[in-house]
Amino acid sequence: MPVKPVKMYTSAVCPYCNMAKALLKQKGVSAIEEIRVDTAAGARDTMIGLTGRRTVPQIFIGETHVGGFDDLNALNRAGKLDALLTD
């Protein structure tokens, strides 16, 4: 089953980023486009403009802004993450 592209704004010292990556890997996501807000110039400003949030991770599945790890995990617990990844 094909999986939508996943993009994640991250930083080097972010345990929630690592937990999000681990959960997505469990769901069959083999590639995540990571945008490091701590090293890429202007990346944090871009992320804030897109999401209105300052914290990482900020996760996009396809064109859908999921939010952070707590939001991703809530989707998974509600049984909605698989459909979002593959629709």
Protein backbone atom coordinates (compact mmCIF):
# COMPACT_ATOMS: atom_id res chain seq x y z
CA MET A 1 0.00 0.00 0.00
CA PRO A 2 1.51 3.34 -1.01
CA VAL A 3 2.10 5.84 1.75
CA LYS A 4 1.70 9.58 1.35
CA PRO A 5 4.84 11.69 1.64
CA VAL A 6 5.62 12.80 5.18
CA LYS A 7 7.40 16.06 6.03
CA MET A 8 8.48 16.87 9.56
CA TYR A 9 10.01 19.99 11.04
CA THR A 10 12.50 18.81 13.68
CA SER A 11 15.52 19.76 15.79
CA ALA A 12 18.51 17.78 17.03
CA VAL A 13 17.49 17.62 20.70
CA CYS A 14 13.83 16.71 20.42
CA PRO A 15 12.57 13.49 22.06
CA TYR A 16 9.08 14.03 20.61
CA CYS A 17 10.59 14.16 17.10
CA ASN A 18 12.20 10.76 17.73
CA MET A 19 8.95 9.30 19.07
CA ALA A 20 7.05 10.62 16.03
CA LYS A 21 9.61 9.10 13.65
CA ALA A 22 9.39 5.76 15.48
CA LEU A 23 5.59 5.71 15.30
CA LEU A 24 5.60 6.59 11.61
CA LYS A 25 8.18 3.87 10.93
CA GLN A 26 5.91 1.34 12.70
CA LYS A 27 3.15 2.46 10.32
CA GLY A 28 5.27 1.69 7.27
CA VAL A 29 6.64 5.15 6.50
CA SER A 30 10.11 4.51 5.10
CA ALA A 31 11.08 8.07 4.22
CA ILE A 32 10.47 11.30 6.12
CA GLU A 33 11.53 14.64 4.71
CA GLU A 34 13.10 16.27 7.75
CA ILE A 35 13.51 20.01 7.91
CA ARG A 36 15.79 20.98 10.78
CA VAL A 37 14.70 24.26 12.34
CA ASP A 38 17.92 24.43 14.36
CA THR A 39 20.24 24.33 11.33
CA ALA A 40 18.30 25.41 8.22
CA ALA A 41 18.17 29.19 7.85
CA GLY A 42 14.60 30.47 7.96
CA ALA A 43 13.09 27.02 8.55
CA ARG A 44 11.54 27.93 11.93
CA ASP A 45 9.95 31.07 10.44
CA THR A 46 8.57 29.01 7.55
CA MET A 47 7.20 26.41 9.98
CA ILE A 48 5.52 29.08 12.13
CA GLY A 49 4.01 30.67 9.02
CA LEU A 50 2.58 27.32 7.88
CA THR A 51 1.37 26.03 11.24
CA GLY A 52 1.09 28.95 13.66
CA ARG A 53 3.11 26.84 16.12
CA ARG A 54 6.63 27.33 17.46
CA THR A 55 7.37 23.82 18.78
CA VAL A 56 8.75 20.78 17.01
CA PRO A 57 7.91 18.37 15.65
CA GLN A 58 5.38 19.72 13.20
CA ILE A 59 4.23 16.92 10.97
CA PHE A 60 2.64 17.02 7.53
CA ILE A 61 1.17 13.94 5.87
CA GLY A 62 0.64 14.80 2.24
CA GLU A 63 -0.84 18.30 2.36
CA THR A 64 -2.43 17.77 5.79
CA HIS A 65 -0.86 19.43 8.85
CA VAL A 66 -1.21 16.83 11.58
CA GLY A 67 0.45 18.86 14.35
CA GLY A 68 2.97 17.54 16.85
CA PHE A 69 3.63 14.11 18.32
CA ASP A 70 0.66 14.26 20.69
CA ASP A 71 -1.64 14.97 17.73
CA LEU A 72 -0.07 12.15 15.68
CA ASN A 73 -0.40 9.72 18.58
CA ALA A 74 -4.03 10.73 19.18
CA LEU A 75 -4.83 10.03 15.51
CA ASN A 76 -3.20 6.63 15.85
CA ARG A 77 -5.11 5.78 19.04
CA ALA A 78 -8.36 6.86 17.38
CA GLY A 79 -7.64 4.51 14.47
CA LYS A 80 -7.43 7.36 11.93
CA LEU A 81 -3.69 7.49 11.18
CA ASP A 82 -3.59 4.54 8.75
CA ALA A 83 -6.31 6.07 6.57
CA LEU A 84 -4.56 9.46 6.55
CA LEU A 85 -1.28 7.83 5.49
CA THR A 86 -2.79 5.88 2.60
CA ASP A 87 -5.86 7.74 1.26
